[in-house]
Amino acid sequence: MIHVTERAREILNEILKETLDEMLEEPDMVLRLGATDSGLGVYLDKQNEDDQVVEHEGRAVLLISSELSTALGGKTIDAEEAADGSHIVLRR
């Protein structure tokens, strides 16, 4: 299982809100951590039965497949502040 800090949950919630505000026709979409063209990234997807679901204030903000959760088990998703804003990072 992947651990997610409260600050990372807050940032994921903000990203999800901004994205869904632009996509009113897809309210059941959630951010998913998974493979992208540029490596590991976050994109919108629908929940699968075996997903690890990360919530913030009672709302699902991140989905992680069971396979990825197992592969990255023990790691932590955290937030890191930079000059250009907050970034989500994966830590040991």
PDB file of N, CA and C in Angstrom:
ATOM      1  N   MET A   1       0.835  -1.175   0.000  1.00  0.00           N
ATOM      2  CA  MET A   1       0.000   0.000   0.000  1.00  0.00           C
ATOM      3  C   MET A   1       0.881   1.240   0.000  1.00  0.00           C
ATOM      4  N   ILE A   2       0.467   2.222  -0.749  1.00  0.00           N
ATOM      5  CA  ILE A   2       1.165   3.498  -0.817  1.00  0.00           C
ATOM      6  C   ILE A   2       0.553   4.439   0.217  1.00  0.00           C
ATOM      7  N   HIS A   3       1.388   5.153   0.938  1.00  0.00           N
ATOM      8  CA  HIS A   3       0.930   6.134   1.914  1.00  0.00           C
ATOM      9  C   HIS A   3       0.873   7.499   1.240  1.00  0.00           C
ATOM     10  N   VAL A   4      -0.089   8.321   1.639  1.00  0.00           N
ATOM     11  CA  VAL A   4      -0.254   9.654   1.060  1.00  0.00           C
ATOM     12  C   VAL A   4      -0.388  10.646   2.199  1.00  0.00           C
ATOM     13  N   THR A   5       0.488  11.661   2.212  1.00  0.00           N
ATOM     14  CA  THR A   5       0.437  12.664   3.278  1.00  0.00           C
ATOM     15  C   THR A   5      -0.795  13.544   3.123  1.00  0.00           C
ATOM     16  N   GLU A   6      -1.170  14.197   4.198  1.00  0.00           N
ATOM     17  CA  GLU A   6      -2.332  15.091   4.166  1.00  0.00           C
ATOM     18  C   GLU A   6      -2.103  16.250   3.203  1.00  0.00           C
ATOM     19  N   ARG A   7      -0.903  16.788   3.150  1.00  0.00           N
ATOM     20  CA  ARG A   7      -0.621  17.908   2.228  1.00  0.00           C
ATOM     21  C   ARG A   7      -0.765  17.446   0.777  1.00  0.00           C
ATOM     22  N   ALA A   8      -0.289  16.244   0.462  1.00  0.00           N
ATOM     23  CA  ALA A   8      -0.442  15.714  -0.899  1.00  0.00           C
ATOM     24  C   ALA A   8      -1.923  15.521  -1.220  1.00  0.00           C
ATOM     25  N   ARG A   9      -2.703  15.052  -0.251  1.00  0.00           N
ATOM     26  CA  ARG A   9      -4.142  14.879  -0.459  1.00  0.00           C
ATOM     27  C   ARG A   9      -4.808  16.217  -0.778  1.00  0.00           C
ATOM     28  N   GLU A  10      -4.394  17.265  -0.069  1.00  0.00           N
ATOM     29  CA  GLU A  10      -4.950  18.601  -0.316  1.00  0.00           C
ATOM     30  C   GLU A  10      -4.640  19.071  -1.732  1.00  0.00           C
ATOM     31  N   ILE A  11      -3.414  18.872  -2.167  1.00  0.00           N
ATOM     32  CA  ILE A  11      -3.014  19.293  -3.511  1.00  0.00           C
ATOM     33  C   ILE A  11      -3.757  18.481  -4.567  1.00  0.00           C
ATOM     34  N   LEU A  12      -3.868  17.176  -4.372  1.00  0.00           N
ATOM     35  CA  LEU A  12      -4.610  16.333  -5.310  1.00  0.00           C
ATOM     36  C   LEU A  12      -6.068  16.767  -5.383  1.00  0.00           C
ATOM     37  N   ASN A  13      -6.655  17.137  -4.256  1.00  0.00           N
ATOM     38  CA  ASN A  13      -8.032  17.623  -4.233  1.00  0.00           C
ATOM     39  C   ASN A  13      -8.161  18.909  -5.041  1.00  0.00           C
ATOM     40  N   GLU A  14      -7.202  19.821  -4.894  1.00  0.00           N
ATOM     41  CA  GLU A  14      -7.218  21.074  -5.656  1.00  0.00           C
ATOM     42  C   GLU A  14      -7.113  20.800  -7.155  1.00  0.00           C
ATOM     43  N   ILE A  15      -6.205  19.912  -7.542  1.00  0.00           N
ATOM     44  CA  ILE A  15      -6.032  19.560  -8.959  1.00  0.00           C
ATOM     45  C   ILE A  15      -7.320  18.955  -9.503  1.00  0.00           C
ATOM     46  N   LEU A  16      -7.920  18.057  -8.744  1.00  0.00           N
ATOM     47  CA  LEU A  16      -9.149  17.403  -9.179  1.00  0.00           C
ATOM     48  C   LEU A  16     -10.273  18.419  -9.342  1.00  0.00           C
ATOM     49  N   LYS A  17     -10.428  19.323  -8.382  1.00  0.00           N
ATOM     50  CA  LYS A  17     -11.476  20.353  -8.468  1.00  0.00           C
ATOM     51  C   LYS A  17     -11.305  21.209  -9.716  1.00  0.00           C
ATOM     52  N   GLU A  18     -10.078  21.673  -9.956  1.00  0.00           N
ATOM     53  CA  GLU A  18      -9.814  22.513 -11.129  1.00  0.00           C
ATOM     54  C   GLU A  18     -10.114  21.762 -12.421  1.00  0.00           C
ATOM     55  N   THR A  19      -9.721  20.512 -12.482  1.00  0.00           N
ATOM     56  CA  THR A  19      -9.923  19.716 -13.686  1.00  0.00           C
ATOM     57  C   THR A  19     -11.397  19.438 -13.917  1.00  0.00           C
ATOM     58  N   LEU A  20     -12.118  19.070 -12.867  1.00  0.00           N
ATOM     59  CA  LEU A  20     -13.535  18.737 -13.016  1.00  0.00           C
ATOM     60  C   LEU A  20     -14.389  19.959 -13.277  1.00  0.00           C
ATOM     61  N   ASP A  21     -13.961  21.130 -12.830  1.00  0.00           N
ATOM     62  CA  ASP A  21     -14.694  22.361 -13.134  1.00  0.00           C
ATOM     63  C   ASP A  21     -14.767  22.577 -14.643  1.00  0.00           C
ATOM     64  N   GLU A  22     -13.743  22.104 -15.352  1.00  0.00           N
ATOM     65  CA  GLU A  22     -13.700  22.233 -16.805  1.00  0.00           C
ATOM     66  C   GLU A  22     -14.446  21.100 -17.498  1.00  0.00           C
ATOM     67  N   MET A  23     -14.787  20.027 -16.761  1.00  0.00           N
ATOM     68  CA  MET A  23     -15.414  18.846 -17.354  1.00  0.00           C
ATOM     69  C   MET A  23     -16.698  18.497 -16.602  1.00  0.00           C
ATOM     70  N   LEU A  24     -17.662  19.353 -16.613  1.00  0.00           N
ATOM     71  CA  LEU A  24     -18.879  19.149 -15.835  1.00  0.00           C
ATOM     72  C   LEU A  24     -19.640  17.889 -16.225  1.00  0.00           C
ATOM     73  N   GLU A  25     -19.434  17.394 -17.439  1.00  0.00           N
ATOM     74  CA  GLU A  25     -20.166  16.216 -17.894  1.00  0.00           C
ATOM     75  C   GLU A  25     -19.581  14.914 -17.351  1.00  0.00           C
ATOM     76  N   GLU A  26     -18.463  14.943 -16.663  1.00  0.00           N
ATOM     77  CA  GLU A  26     -17.809  13.736 -16.133  1.00  0.00           C
ATOM     78  C   GLU A  26     -17.551  13.869 -14.625  1.00  0.00           C
ATOM     79  N   PRO A  27     -18.590  14.031 -13.815  1.00  0.00           N
ATOM     80  CA  PRO A  27     -18.367  14.269 -12.375  1.00  0.00           C
ATOM     81  C   PRO A  27     -17.823  13.072 -11.594  1.00  0.00           C
ATOM     82  N   ASP A  28     -17.912  11.854 -12.150  1.00  0.00           N
ATOM     83  CA  ASP A  28     -17.441  10.686 -11.412  1.00  0.00           C
ATOM     84  C   ASP A  28     -15.991  10.326 -11.717  1.00  0.00           C
ATOM     85  N   MET A  29     -15.289  11.200 -12.394  1.00  0.00           N
ATOM     86  CA  MET A  29     -13.880  10.976 -12.713  1.00  0.00           C
ATOM     87  C   MET A  29     -13.022  11.335 -11.494  1.00  0.00           C
ATOM     88  N   VAL A  30     -11.919  10.595 -11.353  1.00  0.00           N
ATOM     89  CA  VAL A  30     -10.980  10.793 -10.245  1.00  0.00           C
ATOM     90  C   VAL A  30      -9.573  10.747 -10.829  1.00  0.00           C
ATOM     91  N   LEU A  31      -8.622  11.376 -10.162  1.00  0.00           N
ATOM     92  CA  LEU A  31      -7.239  11.298 -10.601  1.00  0.00           C
ATOM     93  C   LEU A  31      -6.712   9.888 -10.374  1.00  0.00           C
ATOM     94  N   ARG A  32      -5.912   9.392 -11.317  1.00  0.00           N
ATOM     95  CA  ARG A  32      -5.302   8.069 -11.191  1.00  0.00           C
ATOM     96  C   ARG A  32      -3.790   8.215 -11.336  1.00  0.00           C
ATOM     97  N   LEU A  33      -3.051   7.540 -10.463  1.00  0.00           N
ATOM     98  CA  LEU A  33      -1.604   7.433 -10.573  1.00  0.00           C
ATOM     99  C   LEU A  33      -1.322   6.230 -11.454  1.00  0.00           C
ATOM    100  N   GLY A  34      -0.602   6.450 -12.540  1.00  0.00           N
ATOM    101  CA  GLY A  34      -0.310   5.345 -13.447  1.00  0.00           C
ATOM    102  C   GLY A  34       0.683   5.729 -14.513  1.00  0.00           C
ATOM    103  N   ALA A  35       0.933   4.793 -15.405  1.00  0.00           N
ATOM    104  CA  ALA A  35       1.896   5.004 -16.489  1.00  0.00           C
ATOM    105  C   ALA A  35       1.340   5.995 -17.506  1.00  0.00           C
ATOM    106  N   THR A  36       2.192   6.940 -17.917  1.00  0.00           N
ATOM    107  CA  THR A  36       1.865   7.899 -18.961  1.00  0.00           C
ATOM    108  C   THR A  36       2.994   7.853 -19.987  1.00  0.00           C
ATOM    109  N   ASP A  37       2.862   8.616 -21.061  1.00  0.00           N
ATOM    110  CA  ASP A  37       3.909   8.669 -22.084  1.00  0.00           C
ATOM    111  C   ASP A  37       5.248   9.140 -21.515  1.00  0.00           C
ATOM    112  N   SER A  38       5.201   9.949 -20.466  1.00  0.00           N
ATOM    113  CA  SER A  38       6.434  10.494 -19.896  1.00  0.00           C
ATOM    114  C   SER A  38       6.870   9.792 -18.610  1.00  0.00           C
ATOM    115  N   GLY A  39       6.263   8.657 -18.298  1.00  0.00           N
ATOM    116  CA  GLY A  39       6.622   7.918 -17.090  1.00  0.00           C
ATOM    117  C   GLY A  39       5.430   7.793 -16.168  1.00  0.00           C
ATOM    118  N   LEU A  40       5.662   7.858 -14.869  1.00  0.00           N
ATOM    119  CA  LEU A  40       4.593   7.774 -13.884  1.00  0.00           C
ATOM    120  C   LEU A  40       3.948   9.142 -13.761  1.00  0.00           C
ATOM    121  N   GLY A  41       2.624   9.197 -13.858  1.00  0.00           N
ATOM    122  CA  GLY A  41       1.936  10.480 -13.798  1.00  0.00           C
ATOM    123  C   GLY A  41       0.519  10.330 -13.282  1.00  0.00           C
ATOM    124  N   VAL A  42      -0.219  11.422 -13.334  1.00  0.00           N
ATOM    125  CA  VAL A  42      -1.588  11.471 -12.850  1.00  0.00           C
ATOM    126  C   VAL A  42      -2.493  11.890 -13.998  1.00  0.00           C
ATOM    127  N   TYR A  43      -3.616  11.183 -14.142  1.00  0.00           N
ATOM    128  CA  TYR A  43      -4.587  11.502 -15.188  1.00  0.00           C
ATOM    129  C   TYR A  43      -5.978  11.128 -14.697  1.00  0.00           C
ATOM    130  N   LEU A  44      -7.014  11.619 -15.363  1.00  0.00           N
ATOM    131  CA  LEU A  44      -8.390  11.331 -14.968  1.00  0.00           C
ATOM    132  C   LEU A  44      -8.804   9.930 -15.402  1.00  0.00           C
ATOM    133  N   ASP A  45      -9.550   9.257 -14.533  1.00  0.00           N
ATOM    134  CA  ASP A  45     -10.032   7.913 -14.841  1.00  0.00           C
ATOM    135  C   ASP A  45     -11.207   7.610 -13.914  1.00  0.00           C
ATOM    136  N   LYS A  46     -11.879   6.488 -14.179  1.00  0.00           N
ATOM    137  CA  LYS A  46     -12.968   6.029 -13.310  1.00  0.00           C
ATOM    138  C   LYS A  46     -12.447   4.923 -12.408  1.00  0.00           C
ATOM    139  N   GLN A  47     -13.070   4.802 -11.252  1.00  0.00           N
ATOM    140  CA  GLN A  47     -12.638   3.830 -10.249  1.00  0.00           C
ATOM    141  C   GLN A  47     -12.932   2.399 -10.681  1.00  0.00           C
ATOM    142  N   ASN A  48     -11.959   1.513 -10.447  1.00  0.00           N
ATOM    143  CA  ASN A  48     -12.117   0.076 -10.636  1.00  0.00           C
ATOM    144  C   ASN A  48     -12.310  -0.565  -9.267  1.00  0.00           C
ATOM    145  N   GLU A  49     -12.870  -1.739  -9.253  1.00  0.00           N
ATOM    146  CA  GLU A  49     -13.196  -2.433  -8.006  1.00  0.00           C
ATOM    147  C   GLU A  49     -11.983  -2.681  -7.112  1.00  0.00           C
ATOM    148  N   ASP A  50     -10.823  -2.964  -7.702  1.00  0.00           N
ATOM    149  CA  ASP A  50      -9.649  -3.329  -6.902  1.00  0.00           C
ATOM    150  C   ASP A  50      -8.674  -2.176  -6.662  1.00  0.00           C
ATOM    151  N   ASP A  51      -9.072  -0.949  -6.946  1.00  0.00           N
ATOM    152  CA  ASP A  51      -8.196   0.210  -6.748  1.00  0.00           C
ATOM    153  C   ASP A  51      -7.998   0.538  -5.279  1.00  0.00           C
ATOM    154  N   GLN A  52      -6.803   1.041  -4.961  1.00  0.00           N
ATOM    155  CA  GLN A  52      -6.582   1.700  -3.678  1.00  0.00           C
ATOM    156  C   GLN A  52      -7.145   3.103  -3.873  1.00  0.00           C
ATOM    157  N   VAL A  53      -8.038   3.528  -3.004  1.00  0.00           N
ATOM    158  CA  VAL A  53      -8.682   4.834  -3.127  1.00  0.00           C
ATOM    159  C   VAL A  53      -8.156   5.742  -2.029  1.00  0.00           C
ATOM    160  N   VAL A  54      -7.615   6.897  -2.434  1.00  0.00           N
ATOM    161  CA  VAL A  54      -7.116   7.894  -1.489  1.00  0.00           C
ATOM    162  C   VAL A  54      -8.175   8.984  -1.405  1.00  0.00           C
ATOM    163  N   GLU A  55      -8.610   9.288  -0.181  1.00  0.00           N
ATOM    164  CA  GLU A  55      -9.663  10.279   0.013  1.00  0.00           C
ATOM    165  C   GLU A  55      -9.139  11.513   0.734  1.00  0.00           C
ATOM    166  N   HIS A  56      -9.830  12.614   0.497  1.00  0.00           N
ATOM    167  CA  HIS A  56      -9.584  13.862   1.224  1.00  0.00           C
ATOM    168  C   HIS A  56     -10.952  14.437   1.553  1.00  0.00           C
ATOM    169  N   GLU A  57     -11.223  14.632   2.836  1.00  0.00           N
ATOM    170  CA  GLU A  57     -12.499  15.154   3.313  1.00  0.00           C
ATOM    171  C   GLU A  57     -13.672  14.371   2.738  1.00  0.00           C
ATOM    172  N   GLY A  58     -13.559  13.036   2.723  1.00  0.00           N
ATOM    173  CA  GLY A  58     -14.636  12.175   2.288  1.00  0.00           C
ATOM    174  C   GLY A  58     -14.818  12.029   0.788  1.00  0.00           C
ATOM    175  N   ARG A  59     -13.928  12.603   0.013  1.00  0.00           N
ATOM    176  CA  ARG A  59     -14.023  12.554  -1.444  1.00  0.00           C
ATOM    177  C   ARG A  59     -12.813  11.818  -2.009  1.00  0.00           C
ATOM    178  N   ALA A  60     -13.043  10.904  -2.936  1.00  0.00           N
ATOM    179  CA  ALA A  60     -11.938  10.203  -3.597  1.00  0.00           C
ATOM    180  C   ALA A  60     -11.166  11.217  -4.439  1.00  0.00           C
ATOM    181  N   VAL A  61      -9.838  11.286  -4.225  1.00  0.00           N
ATOM    182  CA  VAL A  61      -9.007  12.225  -4.988  1.00  0.00           C
ATOM    183  C   VAL A  61      -7.935  11.521  -5.803  1.00  0.00           C
ATOM    184  N   LEU A  62      -7.639  10.250  -5.487  1.00  0.00           N
ATOM    185  CA  LEU A  62      -6.600   9.528  -6.212  1.00  0.00           C
ATOM    186  C   LEU A  62      -6.902   8.039  -6.209  1.00  0.00           C
ATOM    187  N   LEU A  63      -6.731   7.425  -7.385  1.00  0.00           N
ATOM    188  CA  LEU A  63      -6.878   5.986  -7.543  1.00  0.00           C
ATOM    189  C   LEU A  63      -5.521   5.393  -7.863  1.00  0.00           C
ATOM    190  N   ILE A  64      -5.246   4.231  -7.291  1.00  0.00           N
ATOM    191  CA  ILE A  64      -3.999   3.526  -7.571  1.00  0.00           C
ATOM    192  C   ILE A  64      -4.369   2.058  -7.783  1.00  0.00           C
ATOM    193  N   SER A  65      -3.998   1.505  -8.931  1.00  0.00           N
ATOM    194  CA  SER A  65      -4.324   0.106  -9.197  1.00  0.00           C
ATOM    195  C   SER A  65      -3.670  -0.772  -8.139  1.00  0.00           C
ATOM    196  N   SER A  66      -4.262  -1.938  -7.898  1.00  0.00           N
ATOM    197  CA  SER A  66      -3.703  -2.842  -6.889  1.00  0.00           C
ATOM    198  C   SER A  66      -2.294  -3.286  -7.276  1.00  0.00           C
ATOM    199  N   GLU A  67      -2.048  -3.468  -8.579  1.00  0.00           N
ATOM    200  CA  GLU A  67      -0.716  -3.874  -9.038  1.00  0.00           C
ATOM    201  C   GLU A  67       0.323  -2.795  -8.740  1.00  0.00           C
ATOM    202  N   LEU A  68      -0.017  -1.540  -9.052  1.00  0.00           N
ATOM    203  CA  LEU A  68       0.919  -0.444  -8.801  1.00  0.00           C
ATOM    204  C   LEU A  68       1.100  -0.222  -7.301  1.00  0.00           C
ATOM    205  N   SER A  69       0.023  -0.339  -6.561  1.00  0.00           N
ATOM    206  CA  SER A  69       0.098  -0.173  -5.114  1.00  0.00           C
ATOM    207  C   SER A  69       1.039  -1.211  -4.494  1.00  0.00           C
ATOM    208  N   THR A  70       0.960  -2.435  -4.980  1.00  0.00           N
ATOM    209  CA  THR A  70       1.843  -3.497  -4.492  1.00  0.00           C
ATOM    210  C   THR A  70       3.288  -3.226  -4.898  1.00  0.00           C
ATOM    211  N   ALA A  71       3.489  -2.824  -6.165  1.00  0.00           N
ATOM    212  CA  ALA A  71       4.836  -2.565  -6.672  1.00  0.00           C
ATOM    213  C   ALA A  71       5.509  -1.403  -5.935  1.00  0.00           C
ATOM    214  N   LEU A  72       4.728  -0.413  -5.555  1.00  0.00           N
ATOM    215  CA  LEU A  72       5.278   0.764  -4.875  1.00  0.00           C
ATOM    216  C   LEU A  72       5.045   0.721  -3.368  1.00  0.00           C
ATOM    217  N   GLY A  73       4.651  -0.431  -2.857  1.00  0.00           N
ATOM    218  CA  GLY A  73       4.336  -0.580  -1.442  1.00  0.00           C
ATOM    219  C   GLY A  73       5.410  -0.022  -0.531  1.00  0.00           C
ATOM    220  N   GLY A  74       4.969   0.668   0.508  1.00  0.00           N
ATOM    221  CA  GLY A  74       5.894   1.251   1.470  1.00  0.00           C
ATOM    222  C   GLY A  74       6.363   2.646   1.098  1.00  0.00           C
ATOM    223  N   LYS A  75       6.097   3.082  -0.116  1.00  0.00           N
ATOM    224  CA  LYS A  75       6.488   4.433  -0.536  1.00  0.00           C
ATOM    225  C   LYS A  75       5.418   5.423  -0.075  1.00  0.00           C
ATOM    226  N   THR A  76       5.785   6.710  -0.101  1.00  0.00           N
ATOM    227  CA  THR A  76       4.879   7.770   0.334  1.00  0.00           C
ATOM    228  C   THR A  76       4.749   8.823  -0.755  1.00  0.00           C
ATOM    229  N   ILE A  77       3.509   9.203  -1.050  1.00  0.00           N
ATOM    230  CA  ILE A  77       3.249  10.335  -1.934  1.00  0.00           C
ATOM    231  C   ILE A  77       3.179  11.549  -1.031  1.00  0.00           C
ATOM    232  N   ASP A  78       3.978  12.558  -1.350  1.00  0.00           N
ATOM    233  CA  ASP A  78       4.089  13.741  -0.509  1.00  0.00           C
ATOM    234  C   ASP A  78       4.034  14.983  -1.387  1.00  0.00           C
ATOM    235  N   ALA A  79       4.033  16.129  -0.760  1.00  0.00           N
ATOM    236  CA  ALA A  79       4.055  17.406  -1.463  1.00  0.00           C
ATOM    237  C   ALA A  79       5.375  18.096  -1.180  1.00  0.00           C
ATOM    238  N   GLU A  80       5.882  18.755  -2.199  1.00  0.00           N
ATOM    239  CA  GLU A  80       7.141  19.484  -2.075  1.00  0.00           C
ATOM    240  C   GLU A  80       6.917  20.889  -2.632  1.00  0.00           C
ATOM    241  N   GLU A  81       7.330  21.881  -1.865  1.00  0.00           N
ATOM    242  CA  GLU A  81       7.174  23.265  -2.300  1.00  0.00           C
ATOM    243  C   GLU A  81       8.356  23.684  -3.156  1.00  0.00           C
ATOM    244  N   ALA A  82       8.074  24.384  -4.249  1.00  0.00           N
ATOM    245  CA  ALA A  82       9.112  24.885  -5.141  1.00  0.00           C
ATOM    246  C   ALA A  82       8.751  26.310  -5.533  1.00  0.00           C
ATOM    247  N   ALA A  83       9.662  26.978  -6.206  1.00  0.00           N
ATOM    248  CA  ALA A  83       9.432  28.358  -6.613  1.00  0.00           C
ATOM    249  C   ALA A  83       8.197  28.492  -7.497  1.00  0.00           C
ATOM    250  N   ASP A  84       7.909  27.459  -8.288  1.00  0.00           N
ATOM    251  CA  ASP A  84       6.753  27.530  -9.191  1.00  0.00           C
ATOM    252  C   ASP A  84       5.495  26.882  -8.611  1.00  0.00           C
ATOM    253  N   GLY A  85       5.487  26.593  -7.311  1.00  0.00           N
ATOM    254  CA  GLY A  85       4.309  26.041  -6.665  1.00  0.00           C
ATOM    255  C   GLY A  85       4.574  24.686  -6.030  1.00  0.00           C
ATOM    256  N   SER A  86       3.494  24.036  -5.636  1.00  0.00           N
ATOM    257  CA  SER A  86       3.570  22.729  -4.989  1.00  0.00           C
ATOM    258  C   SER A  86       3.619  21.623  -6.021  1.00  0.00           C
ATOM    259  N   HIS A  87       4.399  20.595  -5.729  1.00  0.00           N
ATOM    260  CA  HIS A  87       4.533  19.447  -6.610  1.00  0.00           C
ATOM    261  C   HIS A  87       4.321  18.177  -5.802  1.00  0.00           C
ATOM    262  N   ILE A  88       3.739  17.172  -6.457  1.00  0.00           N
ATOM    263  CA  ILE A  88       3.563  15.863  -5.846  1.00  0.00           C
ATOM    264  C   ILE A  88       4.834  15.056  -6.120  1.00  0.00           C
ATOM    265  N   VAL A  89       5.364  14.416  -5.076  1.00  0.00           N
ATOM    266  CA  VAL A  89       6.589  13.607  -5.220  1.00  0.00           C
ATOM    267  C   VAL A  89       6.371  12.246  -4.563  1.00  0.00           C
ATOM    268  N   LEU A  90       7.157  11.272  -4.995  1.00  0.00           N
ATOM    269  CA  LEU A  90       7.123   9.934  -4.436  1.00  0.00           C
ATOM    270  C   LEU A  90       8.395   9.736  -3.627  1.00  0.00           C
ATOM    271  N   ARG A  91       8.224   9.396  -2.354  1.00  0.00           N
ATOM    272  CA  ARG A  91       9.373   9.216  -1.446  1.00  0.00           C
ATOM    273  C   ARG A  91       9.434   7.776  -0.947  1.00  0.00           C
ATOM    274  N   ARG A  92      10.628   7.386  -0.511  1.00  0.00           N
ATOM    275  CA  ARG A  92      10.800   6.066   0.089  1.00  0.00           C
ATOM    276  C   ARG A  92      10.209   6.017   1.460  1.00  0.00           C
TER     277      ARG A  92
END
